[in-house]
Amino acid sequence: MDPYLALLKIDSTMVLVGAVEPLKPFHGGNIIMGRKRIAGSLIGGIKETQEIVRFLWRT
C-alpha cells in the first residue's frame, strides 16, 4: 500500500473496488500527514461498470 499511497495528492482518496487480497500493513503516517483516505466498495457504480465494459470490448 505504501507505494500507492505515496502517489496520492494531499486530500485525495484511494478507492479499492472489487475483491482484494488481504492488505499488507502500511505506515499510518502516509495517511495522516497527507490527509489521505482509503475507501472501498465491493462493486463500482453502474456508470463506472458500463465504462469498464465498453473499454474491455474495444481492446
PDB file of N, CA and C in Angstrom:
ATOM      1  N   MET A   1       0.810  -1.188   0.000  1.00  0.00           N
ATOM      2  CA  MET A   1       0.000   0.000   0.000  1.00  0.00           C
ATOM      3  C   MET A   1       0.856   1.255   0.000  1.00  0.00           C
ATOM      4  N   ASP A   2       1.969   1.228   0.706  1.00  0.00           N
ATOM      5  CA  ASP A   2       2.776   2.446   0.827  1.00  0.00           C
ATOM      6  C   ASP A   2       3.180   3.047  -0.516  1.00  0.00           C
ATOM      7  N   PRO A   3       3.629   2.249  -1.501  1.00  0.00           N
ATOM      8  CA  PRO A   3       3.985   2.865  -2.788  1.00  0.00           C
ATOM      9  C   PRO A   3       2.792   3.556  -3.457  1.00  0.00           C
ATOM     10  N   TYR A   4       1.607   2.985  -3.310  1.00  0.00           N
ATOM     11  CA  TYR A   4       0.420   3.581  -3.918  1.00  0.00           C
ATOM     12  C   TYR A   4      -0.032   4.817  -3.148  1.00  0.00           C
ATOM     13  N   LEU A   5       0.043   4.762  -1.831  1.00  0.00           N
ATOM     14  CA  LEU A   5      -0.322   5.926  -1.025  1.00  0.00           C
ATOM     15  C   LEU A   5       0.594   7.103  -1.327  1.00  0.00           C
ATOM     16  N   ALA A   6       1.845   6.822  -1.649  1.00  0.00           N
ATOM     17  CA  ALA A   6       2.792   7.896  -1.964  1.00  0.00           C
ATOM     18  C   ALA A   6       2.403   8.627  -3.255  1.00  0.00           C
ATOM     19  N   LEU A   7       1.638   7.975  -4.121  1.00  0.00           N
ATOM     20  CA  LEU A   7       1.220   8.593  -5.384  1.00  0.00           C
ATOM     21  C   LEU A   7       0.048   9.560  -5.209  1.00  0.00           C
ATOM     22  N   LEU A   8      -0.654   9.456  -4.087  1.00  0.00           N
ATOM     23  CA  LEU A   8      -1.830  10.303  -3.881  1.00  0.00           C
ATOM     24  C   LEU A   8      -1.435  11.722  -3.510  1.00  0.00           C
ATOM     25  N   LYS A   9      -2.197  12.678  -4.019  1.00  0.00           N
ATOM     26  CA  LYS A   9      -2.003  14.077  -3.644  1.00  0.00           C
ATOM     27  C   LYS A   9      -2.630  14.314  -2.272  1.00  0.00           C
ATOM     28  N   ILE A  10      -2.328  15.442  -1.673  1.00  0.00           N
ATOM     29  CA  ILE A  10      -2.926  15.816  -0.397  1.00  0.00           C
ATOM     30  C   ILE A  10      -4.444  15.888  -0.567  1.00  0.00           C
ATOM     31  N   ASP A  11      -5.164  15.465   0.461  1.00  0.00           N
ATOM     32  CA  ASP A  11      -6.636  15.475   0.493  1.00  0.00           C
ATOM     33  C   ASP A  11      -7.265  14.596  -0.589  1.00  0.00           C
ATOM     34  N   SER A  12      -6.612  13.514  -0.988  1.00  0.00           N
ATOM     35  CA  SER A  12      -7.184  12.634  -2.007  1.00  0.00           C
ATOM     36  C   SER A  12      -7.577  11.297  -1.385  1.00  0.00           C
ATOM     37  N   THR A  13      -8.286  10.495  -2.171  1.00  0.00           N
ATOM     38  CA  THR A  13      -8.818   9.222  -1.687  1.00  0.00           C
ATOM     39  C   THR A  13      -8.411   8.097  -2.622  1.00  0.00           C
ATOM     40  N   MET A  14      -7.965   6.991  -2.055  1.00  0.00           N
ATOM     41  CA  MET A  14      -7.711   5.774  -2.817  1.00  0.00           C
ATOM     42  C   MET A  14      -8.940   4.887  -2.612  1.00  0.00           C
ATOM     43  N   VAL A  15      -9.562   4.478  -3.722  1.00  0.00           N
ATOM     44  CA  VAL A  15     -10.751   3.640  -3.634  1.00  0.00           C
ATOM     45  C   VAL A  15     -10.418   2.258  -4.167  1.00  0.00           C
ATOM     46  N   LEU A  16     -10.635   1.258  -3.341  1.00  0.00           N
ATOM     47  CA  LEU A  16     -10.408  -0.127  -3.730  1.00  0.00           C
ATOM     48  C   LEU A  16     -11.754  -0.702  -4.143  1.00  0.00           C
ATOM     49  N   VAL A  17     -11.839  -1.222  -5.376  1.00  0.00           N
ATOM     50  CA  VAL A  17     -13.099  -1.740  -5.895  1.00  0.00           C
ATOM     51  C   VAL A  17     -12.930  -3.214  -6.222  1.00  0.00           C
ATOM     52  N   GLY A  18     -13.863  -4.014  -5.783  1.00  0.00           N
ATOM     53  CA  GLY A  18     -13.840  -5.443  -6.068  1.00  0.00           C
ATOM     54  C   GLY A  18     -13.142  -6.224  -4.973  1.00  0.00           C
ATOM     55  N   ALA A  19     -13.061  -7.509  -5.178  1.00  0.00           N
ATOM     56  CA  ALA A  19     -12.431  -8.394  -4.204  1.00  0.00           C
ATOM     57  C   ALA A  19     -10.922  -8.159  -4.206  1.00  0.00           C
ATOM     58  N   VAL A  20     -10.386  -7.923  -3.053  1.00  0.00           N
ATOM     59  CA  VAL A  20      -8.962  -7.627  -2.918  1.00  0.00           C
ATOM     60  C   VAL A  20      -8.355  -8.616  -1.923  1.00  0.00           C
ATOM     61  N   GLU A  21      -7.167  -9.029  -2.211  1.00  0.00           N
ATOM     62  CA  GLU A  21      -6.446  -9.871  -1.266  1.00  0.00           C
ATOM     63  C   GLU A  21      -6.234  -9.091   0.028  1.00  0.00           C
ATOM     64  N   PRO A  22      -5.975  -9.765   1.129  1.00  0.00           N
ATOM     65  CA  PRO A  22      -5.696  -9.037   2.365  1.00  0.00           C
ATOM     66  C   PRO A  22      -4.561  -8.027   2.155  1.00  0.00           C
ATOM     67  N   LEU A  23      -4.760  -6.831   2.678  1.00  0.00           N
ATOM     68  CA  LEU A  23      -3.764  -5.776   2.504  1.00  0.00           C
ATOM     69  C   LEU A  23      -2.611  -5.965   3.468  1.00  0.00           C
ATOM     70  N   LYS A  24      -1.409  -5.689   2.984  1.00  0.00           N
ATOM     71  CA  LYS A  24      -0.242  -5.730   3.853  1.00  0.00           C
ATOM     72  C   LYS A  24      -0.264  -4.485   4.733  1.00  0.00           C
ATOM     73  N   PRO A  25       0.332  -4.566   5.900  1.00  0.00           N
ATOM     74  CA  PRO A  25       0.375  -3.381   6.763  1.00  0.00           C
ATOM     75  C   PRO A  25       1.040  -2.203   6.050  1.00  0.00           C
ATOM     76  N   PHE A  26       0.611  -1.008   6.407  1.00  0.00           N
ATOM     77  CA  PHE A  26       1.192   0.189   5.821  1.00  0.00           C
ATOM     78  C   PHE A  26       1.431   1.214   6.915  1.00  0.00           C
ATOM     79  N   HIS A  27       2.268   2.177   6.621  1.00  0.00           N
ATOM     80  CA  HIS A  27       2.652   3.196   7.590  1.00  0.00           C
ATOM     81  C   HIS A  27       1.541   4.230   7.707  1.00  0.00           C
ATOM     82  N   GLY A  28       0.956   4.373   8.882  1.00  0.00           N
ATOM     83  CA  GLY A  28      -0.144   5.302   9.095  1.00  0.00           C
ATOM     84  C   GLY A  28       0.224   6.747   8.815  1.00  0.00           C
ATOM     85  N   GLY A  29       1.505   7.092   8.948  1.00  0.00           N
ATOM     86  CA  GLY A  29       1.944   8.452   8.681  1.00  0.00           C
ATOM     87  C   GLY A  29       1.682   8.875   7.250  1.00  0.00           C
ATOM     88  N   ASN A  30       1.689   7.911   6.326  1.00  0.00           N
ATOM     89  CA  ASN A  30       1.409   8.227   4.920  1.00  0.00           C
ATOM     90  C   ASN A  30      -0.010   8.750   4.734  1.00  0.00           C
ATOM     91  N   ILE A  31      -0.903   8.340   5.596  1.00  0.00           N
ATOM     92  CA  ILE A  31      -2.289   8.798   5.502  1.00  0.00           C
ATOM     93  C   ILE A  31      -2.475  10.090   6.297  1.00  0.00           C
ATOM     94  N   ILE A  32      -1.965  10.095   7.504  1.00  0.00           N
ATOM     95  CA  ILE A  32      -2.173  11.236   8.395  1.00  0.00           C
ATOM     96  C   ILE A  32      -1.517  12.502   7.868  1.00  0.00           C
ATOM     97  N   MET A  33      -0.269  12.423   7.484  1.00  0.00           N
ATOM     98  CA  MET A  33       0.458  13.618   7.065  1.00  0.00           C
ATOM     99  C   MET A  33      -0.057  14.196   5.751  1.00  0.00           C
ATOM    100  N   GLY A  34      -0.614  13.366   4.897  1.00  0.00           N
ATOM    101  CA  GLY A  34      -1.108  13.860   3.611  1.00  0.00           C
ATOM    102  C   GLY A  34      -2.613  14.058   3.590  1.00  0.00           C
ATOM    103  N   ARG A  35      -3.267  13.877   4.763  1.00  0.00           N
ATOM    104  CA  ARG A  35      -4.728  13.983   4.834  1.00  0.00           C
ATOM    105  C   ARG A  35      -5.369  13.138   3.737  1.00  0.00           C
ATOM    106  N   LYS A  36      -4.913  11.894   3.637  1.00  0.00           N
ATOM    107  CA  LYS A  36      -5.396  10.971   2.609  1.00  0.00           C
ATOM    108  C   LYS A  36      -6.425  10.025   3.208  1.00  0.00           C
ATOM    109  N   ARG A  37      -7.238   9.413   2.341  1.00  0.00           N
ATOM    110  CA  ARG A  37      -8.277   8.493   2.774  1.00  0.00           C
ATOM    111  C   ARG A  37      -8.218   7.219   1.934  1.00  0.00           C
ATOM    112  N   ILE A  38      -8.669   6.129   2.529  1.00  0.00           N
ATOM    113  CA  ILE A  38      -8.824   4.863   1.808  1.00  0.00           C
ATOM    114  C   ILE A  38     -10.280   4.464   1.945  1.00  0.00           C
ATOM    115  N   ALA A  39     -10.921   4.151   0.825  1.00  0.00           N
ATOM    116  CA  ALA A  39     -12.317   3.732   0.816  1.00  0.00           C
ATOM    117  C   ALA A  39     -12.425   2.464  -0.011  1.00  0.00           C
ATOM    118  N   GLY A  40     -13.539   1.780   0.109  1.00  0.00           N
ATOM    119  CA  GLY A  40     -13.708   0.554  -0.655  1.00  0.00           C
ATOM    120  C   GLY A  40     -15.154   0.272  -0.989  1.00  0.00           C
ATOM    121  N   SER A  41     -15.332  -0.536  -2.019  1.00  0.00           N
ATOM    122  CA  SER A  41     -16.654  -0.955  -2.440  1.00  0.00           C
ATOM    123  C   SER A  41     -16.523  -2.330  -3.085  1.00  0.00           C
ATOM    124  N   LEU A  42     -17.499  -3.169  -2.830  1.00  0.00           N
ATOM    125  CA  LEU A  42     -17.469  -4.495  -3.441  1.00  0.00           C
ATOM    126  C   LEU A  42     -17.618  -4.393  -4.954  1.00  0.00           C
ATOM    127  N   ILE A  43     -18.461  -3.452  -5.402  1.00  0.00           N
ATOM    128  CA  ILE A  43     -18.642  -3.210  -6.831  1.00  0.00           C
ATOM    129  C   ILE A  43     -18.636  -1.713  -7.076  1.00  0.00           C
ATOM    130  N   GLY A  44     -18.394  -1.314  -8.300  1.00  0.00           N
ATOM    131  CA  GLY A  44     -18.473   0.093  -8.658  1.00  0.00           C
ATOM    132  C   GLY A  44     -19.916   0.455  -8.992  1.00  0.00           C
ATOM    133  N   GLY A  45     -20.156   1.704  -9.278  1.00  0.00           N
ATOM    134  CA  GLY A  45     -21.482   2.145  -9.681  1.00  0.00           C
ATOM    135  C   GLY A  45     -21.804   1.697 -11.092  1.00  0.00           C
ATOM    136  N   ILE A  46     -23.038   1.893 -11.511  1.00  0.00           N
ATOM    137  CA  ILE A  46     -23.477   1.473 -12.847  1.00  0.00           C
ATOM    138  C   ILE A  46     -22.688   2.202 -13.928  1.00  0.00           C
ATOM    139  N   LYS A  47     -22.503   3.504 -13.771  1.00  0.00           N
ATOM    140  CA  LYS A  47     -21.778   4.280 -14.787  1.00  0.00           C
ATOM    141  C   LYS A  47     -20.354   3.750 -14.956  1.00  0.00           C
ATOM    142  N   GLU A  48     -19.670   3.532 -13.843  1.00  0.00           N
ATOM    143  CA  GLU A  48     -18.287   3.053 -13.904  1.00  0.00           C
ATOM    144  C   GLU A  48     -18.208   1.662 -14.504  1.00  0.00           C
ATOM    145  N   THR A  49     -19.175   0.799 -14.137  1.00  0.00           N
ATOM    146  CA  THR A  49     -19.200  -0.564 -14.674  1.00  0.00           C
ATOM    147  C   THR A  49     -19.399  -0.535 -16.184  1.00  0.00           C
ATOM    148  N   GLN A  50     -20.289   0.319 -16.681  1.00  0.00           N
ATOM    149  CA  GLN A  50     -20.506   0.442 -18.122  1.00  0.00           C
ATOM    150  C   GLN A  50     -19.248   0.927 -18.830  1.00  0.00           C
ATOM    151  N   GLU A  51     -18.536   1.871 -18.230  1.00  0.00           N
ATOM    152  CA  GLU A  51     -17.293   2.357 -18.834  1.00  0.00           C
ATOM    153  C   GLU A  51     -16.264   1.245 -18.961  1.00  0.00           C
ATOM    154  N   ILE A  52     -16.146   0.433 -17.938  1.00  0.00           N
ATOM    155  CA  ILE A  52     -15.175  -0.674 -17.973  1.00  0.00           C
ATOM    156  C   ILE A  52     -15.567  -1.689 -19.050  1.00  0.00           C
ATOM    157  N   VAL A  53     -16.848  -2.017 -19.125  1.00  0.00           N
ATOM    158  CA  VAL A  53     -17.301  -2.984 -20.140  1.00  0.00           C
ATOM    159  C   VAL A  53     -17.018  -2.447 -21.539  1.00  0.00           C
ATOM    160  N   ARG A  54     -17.316  -1.160 -21.775  1.00  0.00           N
ATOM    161  CA  ARG A  54     -17.039  -0.572 -23.097  1.00  0.00           C
ATOM    162  C   ARG A  54     -15.539  -0.603 -23.394  1.00  0.00           C
ATOM    163  N   PHE A  55     -14.736  -0.298 -22.393  1.00  0.00           N
ATOM    164  CA  PHE A  55     -13.285  -0.309 -22.579  1.00  0.00           C
ATOM    165  C   PHE A  55     -12.799  -1.719 -22.924  1.00  0.00           C
ATOM    166  N   LEU A  56     -13.271  -2.713 -22.214  1.00  0.00           N
ATOM    167  CA  LEU A  56     -12.839  -4.098 -22.455  1.00  0.00           C
ATOM    168  C   LEU A  56     -13.256  -4.587 -23.840  1.00  0.00           C
ATOM    169  N   TRP A  57     -14.412  -4.162 -24.324  1.00  0.00           N
ATOM    170  CA  TRP A  57     -14.867  -4.592 -25.654  1.00  0.00           C
ATOM    171  C   TRP A  57     -14.036  -3.972 -26.750  1.00  0.00           C
ATOM    172  N   ARG A  58     -13.450  -2.796 -26.502  1.00  0.00           N
ATOM    173  CA  ARG A  58     -12.622  -2.121 -27.524  1.00  0.00           C
ATOM    174  C   ARG A  58     -11.256  -2.770 -27.657  1.00  0.00           C
ATOM    175  N   THR A  59     -10.759  -3.398 -26.590  1.00  0.00           N
ATOM    176  CA  THR A  59      -9.396  -3.949 -26.632  1.00  0.00           C
ATOM    177  C   THR A  59      -9.408  -5.407 -26.982  1.00  0.00           C
TER     178      THR A  59
END
